[in-house]
């Protein structure tokens, strides 16, 4: 496995910036829904129980403005989503995203964590950050909320880094079991943001074919690795080692973002991949190795899926330990 050397390890700082907001817990999709507030509790408890929070630097998210949201979404969609949520809708009219009265507040808190996290690794001393947020974001397209997502947290963070923080090239790594169709949609014609995804196929949302590689200025900056059910370490690591890493030798990102979906772990009710906790740790180290080569070690990870509470907690803990 291509990874990191001891000199790179020594150059990395020992702390990880940690961003979360209790408002993220307020989003409640209803009884029995897999994207539940207990997901937030499970990850936070796992980090506390392992004493990892003591090794992290907890920082506050920033407020999100309308101009922030327009970095990745249309004005019409933002107005529609906010209006429907504040009016008491229980489902966005654009897709299969259940919401409650507090969902807009939660979505803005999640997005604010991502914006603050990229600022912290670009402007600050530490070079890595983890965002414990919900609702997830990678299915939200420019003008549609869907797949449990309201706004696309990782896309907003990438555009913020590109347009306001002087970052030239961004890599987004999405290892969620579901294809990040929203992220792909937003950057499909943008060659400054490279989107890489391993995901189960066929599976929700039905996108992410290997032939989807971008268009116009973004041609070649989308790399999809659709894999069959029951894929695990061997299949997924081959995609990282033989496809992503060579592509990054040419692309040379200046910032790396991770859509950290842990529904690709074995035992998840919404996926059929077989990754284990140690695999997520090794994937994290590979991604950090990419960041060390051209991005000064700058990595921001944002929580996406993961619906087996015990599995989500243990996988997220392994991921953060590897970030440390």
Protein backbone atom coordinates (compact mmCIF):
# COMPACT_ATOMS: atom_id res chain seq x y z
CA UNK A 1 0.00 0.00 0.00
CA UNK A 2 1.40 3.38 -1.01
CA UNK A 3 1.21 5.57 2.04
CA UNK A 4 3.25 7.86 4.25
CA UNK A 5 6.86 7.82 5.41
CA UNK A 6 8.28 8.59 8.83
CA UNK A 7 9.46 12.06 7.80
CA UNK A 8 5.94 12.98 6.71
CA UNK A 9 4.55 11.68 9.99
CA UNK A 10 6.94 13.91 11.95
CA UNK A 11 5.91 16.97 9.96
CA UNK A 12 2.25 16.55 10.81
CA UNK A 13 0.88 18.31 13.85
CA UNK A 14 -0.43 16.08 16.61
CA UNK A 15 -3.86 17.64 16.96
CA UNK A 16 -6.93 17.60 14.78
CA UNK A 17 -9.31 20.53 14.65
CA UNK A 18 -12.77 19.35 15.66
CA UNK A 19 -15.96 21.04 14.52
CA UNK A 20 -19.49 20.25 15.59
CA UNK A 21 -22.61 22.03 16.73
CA UNK A 22 -25.37 20.67 19.01
CA UNK A 23 -27.88 22.10 16.53
CA UNK A 24 -26.93 19.25 14.19
CA UNK A 25 -28.74 16.95 16.57
CA UNK A 26 -32.03 18.83 16.13
CA UNK A 27 -32.71 17.49 12.65
CA UNK A 28 -35.28 14.71 13.16
CA UNK A 29 -36.52 12.85 10.10
CA UNK A 30 -39.18 10.99 12.07
CA UNK A 31 -39.67 7.73 13.97
CA UNK A 32 -37.73 4.80 12.56
CA UNK A 33 -35.73 6.90 10.09
CA UNK A 34 -32.12 5.68 9.77
CA UNK A 35 -30.72 9.24 9.65
CA UNK A 36 -31.51 9.86 13.30
CA UNK A 37 -30.12 12.13 16.04
CA UNK A 38 -28.62 9.10 17.78
CA UNK A 39 -26.03 8.96 14.99
CA UNK A 40 -24.61 12.21 16.35
CA UNK A 41 -24.68 10.86 19.90
CA UNK A 42 -22.95 7.62 18.92
CA UNK A 43 -19.97 9.28 17.26
CA UNK A 44 -19.55 11.89 19.98
CA UNK A 45 -19.69 9.22 22.71
CA UNK A 46 -17.12 7.08 20.89
CA UNK A 47 -14.69 9.98 20.62
CA UNK A 48 -15.18 10.83 24.30
CA UNK A 49 -14.84 7.26 25.49
CA UNK A 50 -11.56 6.85 23.60
CA UNK A 51 -10.24 10.15 25.04
CA UNK A 52 -9.81 11.45 21.51
CA UNK A 53 -11.49 14.77 22.22
CA UNK A 54 -8.59 15.60 24.55
CA UNK A 55 -6.24 15.29 21.59
CA UNK A 56 -8.39 17.46 19.35
CA UNK A 57 -8.78 21.21 19.15
CA UNK A 58 -12.49 22.00 19.29
CA UNK A 59 -13.40 25.14 17.40
CA UNK A 60 -16.69 26.87 16.70
CA UNK A 61 -18.41 26.78 13.31
CA UNK A 62 -19.08 30.04 11.51
CA UNK A 63 -22.42 31.49 10.56
CA UNK A 64 -23.62 30.71 7.04
CA UNK A 65 -24.80 33.51 4.79
CA UNK A 66 -26.94 33.39 1.67
CA UNK A 67 -23.83 34.17 -0.37
CA UNK A 68 -22.16 31.12 1.18
CA UNK A 69 -25.03 28.89 0.07
CA UNK A 70 -24.93 30.31 -3.45
CA UNK A 71 -21.40 28.95 -3.82
CA UNK A 72 -22.94 25.55 -4.61
CA UNK A 73 -26.71 25.97 -4.85
CA UNK A 74 -29.18 27.99 -6.89
CA UNK A 75 -31.00 30.89 -5.28
CA UNK A 76 -34.35 29.32 -6.19
CA UNK A 77 -33.53 26.05 -4.43
CA UNK A 78 -32.22 27.72 -1.27
CA UNK A 79 -35.35 29.87 -1.03
CA UNK A 80 -37.59 26.85 -1.64
CA UNK A 81 -35.90 24.60 0.93
CA UNK A 82 -35.87 27.22 3.66
CA UNK A 83 -39.46 28.20 2.96
CA UNK A 84 -40.76 24.64 3.03
CA UNK A 85 -38.93 23.75 6.22
CA UNK A 86 -40.01 26.88 8.05
CA UNK A 87 -43.59 26.31 6.88
CA UNK A 88 -43.65 22.91 8.61
CA UNK A 89 -43.16 20.52 5.70
CA UNK A 90 -42.17 16.98 6.61
CA UNK A 91 -40.61 16.25 3.20
CA UNK A 92 -38.78 18.49 0.75
CA UNK A 93 -40.67 18.77 -2.52
CA UNK A 94 -37.45 18.27 -4.49
CA UNK A 95 -36.79 14.73 -3.31
CA UNK A 96 -36.69 12.10 -0.58
CA UNK A 97 -35.41 14.25 2.29
CA UNK A 98 -37.55 14.16 5.41
CA UNK A 99 -37.37 17.31 7.51
CA UNK A 100 -38.71 18.88 10.70
CA UNK A 101 -39.06 22.42 12.02
CA UNK A 102 -35.42 22.49 13.15
CA UNK A 103 -33.89 21.01 10.01
CA UNK A 104 -32.86 24.33 8.46
CA UNK A 105 -31.00 25.30 11.63
CA UNK A 106 -29.26 21.92 11.66
CA UNK A 107 -28.33 22.15 7.99
CA UNK A 108 -26.85 25.63 8.45
CA UNK A 109 -24.86 24.41 11.45
CA UNK A 110 -23.45 21.52 9.42
CA UNK A 111 -22.50 23.78 6.54
CA UNK A 112 -20.94 26.27 8.95
CA UNK A 113 -18.73 23.56 10.37
CA UNK A 114 -17.37 22.76 6.93
CA UNK A 115 -16.68 26.38 6.03
CA UNK A 116 -14.89 27.00 9.33
CA UNK A 117 -12.93 23.76 9.01
CA UNK A 118 -11.37 24.64 5.66
CA UNK A 119 -10.54 28.09 6.98
CA UNK A 120 -8.82 26.50 9.97
CA UNK A 121 -6.53 24.24 7.96
CA UNK A 122 -5.73 26.86 5.32
CA UNK A 123 -5.13 29.79 7.66
CA UNK A 124 -4.28 28.11 10.94
CA UNK A 125 -1.56 26.02 12.51
CA UNK A 126 -3.20 22.61 12.38
CA UNK A 127 -3.47 20.77 9.09
CA UNK A 128 -6.37 18.37 9.65
CA UNK A 129 -9.98 18.72 10.75
CA UNK A 130 -12.96 16.45 11.41
CA UNK A 131 -16.55 17.67 11.27
CA UNK A 132 -19.20 15.75 13.20
CA UNK A 133 -22.26 16.98 11.36
CA UNK A 134 -25.71 16.01 10.18
CA UNK A 135 -27.79 16.04 8.07
CA UNK A 136 -25.36 14.66 5.48
CA UNK A 137 -24.86 16.56 2.26
CA UNK A 138 -23.35 14.69 -0.68
CA UNK A 139 -26.66 13.89 -2.42
CA UNK A 140 -27.79 17.54 -2.52
CA UNK A 141 -27.37 18.89 -6.06
CA UNK A 142 -27.30 22.50 -7.15
CA UNK A 143 -31.10 22.68 -7.15
CA UNK A 144 -32.39 19.53 -5.41
CA UNK A 145 -32.33 18.24 -1.86
CA UNK A 146 -32.51 14.44 -1.83
CA UNK A 147 -31.16 11.31 -0.15
CA UNK A 148 -31.44 12.66 3.43
CA UNK A 149 -29.51 15.81 2.34
CA UNK A 150 -30.56 19.47 2.35
CA UNK A 151 -27.39 21.38 1.41
CA UNK A 152 -24.11 19.95 0.15
CA UNK A 153 -21.68 20.54 3.01
CA UNK A 154 -18.57 19.26 1.25
CA UNK A 155 -19.28 21.19 -1.96
CA UNK A 156 -19.74 24.43 -0.05
CA UNK A 157 -16.45 23.84 1.74
CA UNK A 158 -14.63 23.16 -1.53
CA UNK A 159 -16.01 26.24 -3.26
CA UNK A 160 -15.23 28.39 -0.22
CA UNK A 161 -11.62 27.21 -0.31
CA UNK A 162 -11.36 27.77 -4.05
CA UNK A 163 -13.01 31.16 -4.41
CA UNK A 164 -12.18 32.84 -1.12
CA UNK A 165 -9.13 31.21 0.43
CA UNK A 166 -6.77 31.05 -2.54
CA UNK A 167 -6.75 27.28 -2.98
CA UNK A 168 -6.14 26.35 -6.62
CA UNK A 169 -7.08 22.66 -6.73
CA UNK A 170 -9.24 20.56 -4.39
CA UNK A 171 -9.65 16.80 -4.19
CA UNK A 172 -12.88 15.37 -2.77
CA UNK A 173 -12.68 11.70 -1.75
CA UNK A 174 -16.08 10.07 -1.18
CA UNK A 175 -16.00 6.53 0.27
CA UNK A 176 -19.68 6.45 1.27
CA UNK A 177 -21.46 3.32 -0.01
CA UNK A 178 -23.79 5.59 -1.99
CA UNK A 179 -22.55 7.66 -4.90
CA UNK A 180 -22.22 11.36 -4.08
CA UNK A 181 -24.33 12.45 -7.03
CA UNK A 182 -24.84 15.95 -5.70
CA UNK A 183 -21.14 16.63 -5.33
CA UNK A 184 -20.48 15.25 -8.79
CA UNK A 185 -23.28 17.37 -10.24
CA UNK A 186 -21.97 20.59 -8.74
CA UNK A 187 -18.39 20.10 -9.99
CA UNK A 188 -19.00 18.16 -13.20
CA UNK A 189 -17.75 21.00 -15.41
CA UNK A 190 -15.22 22.38 -12.91
CA UNK A 191 -11.70 21.10 -13.50
CA UNK A 192 -10.35 22.73 -10.33
CA UNK A 193 -12.19 20.22 -8.09
CA UNK A 194 -11.44 16.53 -8.61
CA UNK A 195 -14.22 14.22 -7.41
CA UNK A 196 -13.35 10.59 -6.62
CA UNK A 197 -15.94 8.07 -5.47
CA UNK A 198 -16.05 4.39 -4.57
CA UNK A 199 -19.64 3.21 -4.21
CA UNK A 200 -21.93 0.23 -4.53
CA UNK A 201 -23.57 -0.24 -7.92
CA UNK A 202 -26.34 -0.77 -8.77
CA UNK A 203 -27.57 1.11 -5.70
CA UNK A 204 -29.13 4.40 -4.68
CA UNK A 205 -29.14 6.95 -6.32
CA UNK A 206 -28.33 5.13 -9.58
CA UNK A 207 -25.54 7.47 -10.69
CA UNK A 208 -21.76 7.13 -10.69
CA UNK A 209 -21.00 5.03 -13.75
CA UNK A 210 -17.34 4.72 -14.69
CA UNK A 211 -18.16 6.55 -17.92
CA UNK A 212 -19.15 9.68 -15.96
CA UNK A 213 -15.85 11.57 -16.08
CA UNK A 214 -16.89 15.23 -16.28
CA UNK A 215 -17.57 17.62 -19.11
CA UNK A 216 -16.18 20.83 -20.63
CA UNK A 217 -13.45 22.21 -18.33
CA UNK A 218 -14.18 19.40 -15.87
CA UNK A 219 -13.53 16.58 -18.32
CA UNK A 220 -11.35 14.01 -16.58
CA UNK A 221 -11.83 15.52 -13.10
CA UNK A 222 -14.49 13.00 -12.07
CA UNK A 223 -13.34 9.48 -11.28
CA UNK A 224 -16.02 6.94 -10.35
CA UNK A 225 -15.32 3.42 -9.17
CA UNK A 226 -18.67 1.58 -9.04
CA UNK A 227 -18.34 -1.78 -7.31
CA UNK A 228 -20.72 -4.69 -6.75
CA UNK A 229 -22.35 -5.63 -3.46
CA UNK A 230 -20.08 -7.44 -0.98
CA UNK A 231 -16.99 -5.54 -2.13
CA UNK A 232 -14.49 -4.99 0.63
CA UNK A 233 -10.89 -4.05 1.30
CA UNK A 234 -9.34 -5.67 -1.78
CA UNK A 235 -11.69 -4.08 -4.30
CA UNK A 236 -11.86 -0.64 -2.73
CA UNK A 237 -8.15 -0.38 -1.97
CA UNK A 238 -7.36 -1.30 -5.56
CA UNK A 239 -9.37 1.73 -6.69
CA UNK A 240 -7.44 4.00 -4.34
CA UNK A 241 -4.01 2.59 -5.11
CA UNK A 242 -4.25 2.01 -8.85
CA UNK A 243 -6.60 4.80 -9.91
CA UNK A 244 -6.78 7.64 -7.39
CA UNK A 245 -3.13 7.86 -6.42
CA UNK A 246 -1.74 7.97 -9.98
CA UNK A 247 -4.37 10.58 -10.88
CA UNK A 248 -3.29 12.71 -7.93
CA UNK A 249 0.36 12.58 -9.01
CA UNK A 250 -0.82 14.61 -12.00
CA UNK A 251 -3.58 16.70 -10.41
CA UNK A 252 -1.61 17.67 -7.25
CA UNK A 253 -4.41 18.96 -5.00
CA UNK A 254 -3.75 21.82 -2.61
CA UNK A 255 -6.51 20.73 -0.23
CA UNK A 256 -8.14 17.33 0.33
CA UNK A 257 -11.71 16.89 1.55
CA UNK A 258 -13.26 13.59 2.63
CA UNK A 259 -16.94 12.73 2.41
CA UNK A 260 -16.62 10.23 5.24
CA UNK A 261 -19.55 7.87 4.87
CA UNK A 262 -19.34 4.85 7.14
CA UNK A 263 -22.28 3.02 5.60
CA UNK A 264 -19.61 1.25 3.53
CA UNK A 265 -18.73 -0.63 6.72
CA UNK A 266 -19.84 -4.24 7.11
CA UNK A 267 -23.21 -4.60 8.83
CA UNK A 268 -24.72 -1.31 7.72
CA UNK A 269 -28.47 -1.58 7.01
CA UNK A 270 -28.27 0.70 3.96
CA UNK A 271 -25.24 -0.80 2.25
CA UNK A 272 -23.67 -4.10 1.32
CA UNK A 273 -19.95 -3.33 1.40
CA UNK A 274 -17.64 -5.10 3.84
CA UNK A 275 -15.08 -2.58 5.04
CA UNK A 276 -13.83 -2.94 8.61
CA UNK A 277 -12.68 -0.31 11.08
CA UNK A 278 -9.01 -0.94 10.30
CA UNK A 279 -9.76 -0.41 6.61
CA UNK A 280 -11.10 3.08 7.27
CA UNK A 281 -7.95 3.85 9.23
CA UNK A 282 -5.79 2.71 6.33
CA UNK A 283 -7.86 4.64 3.78
CA UNK A 284 -7.44 7.72 5.96
CA UNK A 285 -3.67 7.26 5.99
CA UNK A 286 -3.61 6.92 2.21
CA UNK A 287 -5.58 10.13 1.81
CA UNK A 288 -3.25 11.90 4.23
CA UNK A 289 -0.34 10.65 2.17
CA UNK A 290 -1.83 12.33 -0.90
CA UNK A 291 -2.31 15.55 1.05
CA UNK A 292 1.25 15.48 2.35
CA UNK A 293 2.69 15.28 -1.15
CA UNK A 294 1.09 18.43 -2.56
CA UNK A 295 -1.39 19.96 -0.08
CA UNK A 296 0.87 20.63 2.92
CA UNK A 297 -1.00 17.84 4.71
CA UNK A 298 -4.30 19.74 4.65
CA UNK A 299 -7.27 17.39 5.07
CA UNK A 300 -10.84 18.15 6.15
CA UNK A 301 -13.21 15.24 6.79
CA UNK A 302 -16.97 15.60 7.04
CA UNK A 303 -19.38 12.92 8.21
CA UNK A 304 -21.81 11.61 5.61
CA UNK A 305 -23.63 8.27 6.00
CA UNK A 306 -23.41 5.40 8.47
CA UNK A 307 -26.58 3.92 9.97
CA UNK A 308 -25.55 1.00 12.16
CA UNK A 309 -24.96 2.99 15.33
CA UNK A 310 -22.29 0.74 16.83
CA UNK A 311 -20.54 0.35 13.49
CA UNK A 312 -20.68 4.07 12.78
CA UNK A 313 -19.17 4.85 16.17
CA UNK A 314 -16.28 2.40 15.90
CA UNK A 315 -15.47 3.29 12.29
CA UNK A 316 -15.52 7.03 12.98
CA UNK A 317 -13.24 6.48 15.97
CA UNK A 318 -10.76 4.55 13.80
CA UNK A 319 -10.90 7.32 11.20
CA UNK A 320 -10.17 10.08 13.73
CA UNK A 321 -7.37 8.05 15.31
CA UNK A 322 -5.77 7.83 11.87
CA UNK A 323 -6.21 11.56 11.34
CA UNK A 324 -4.28 12.04 14.59
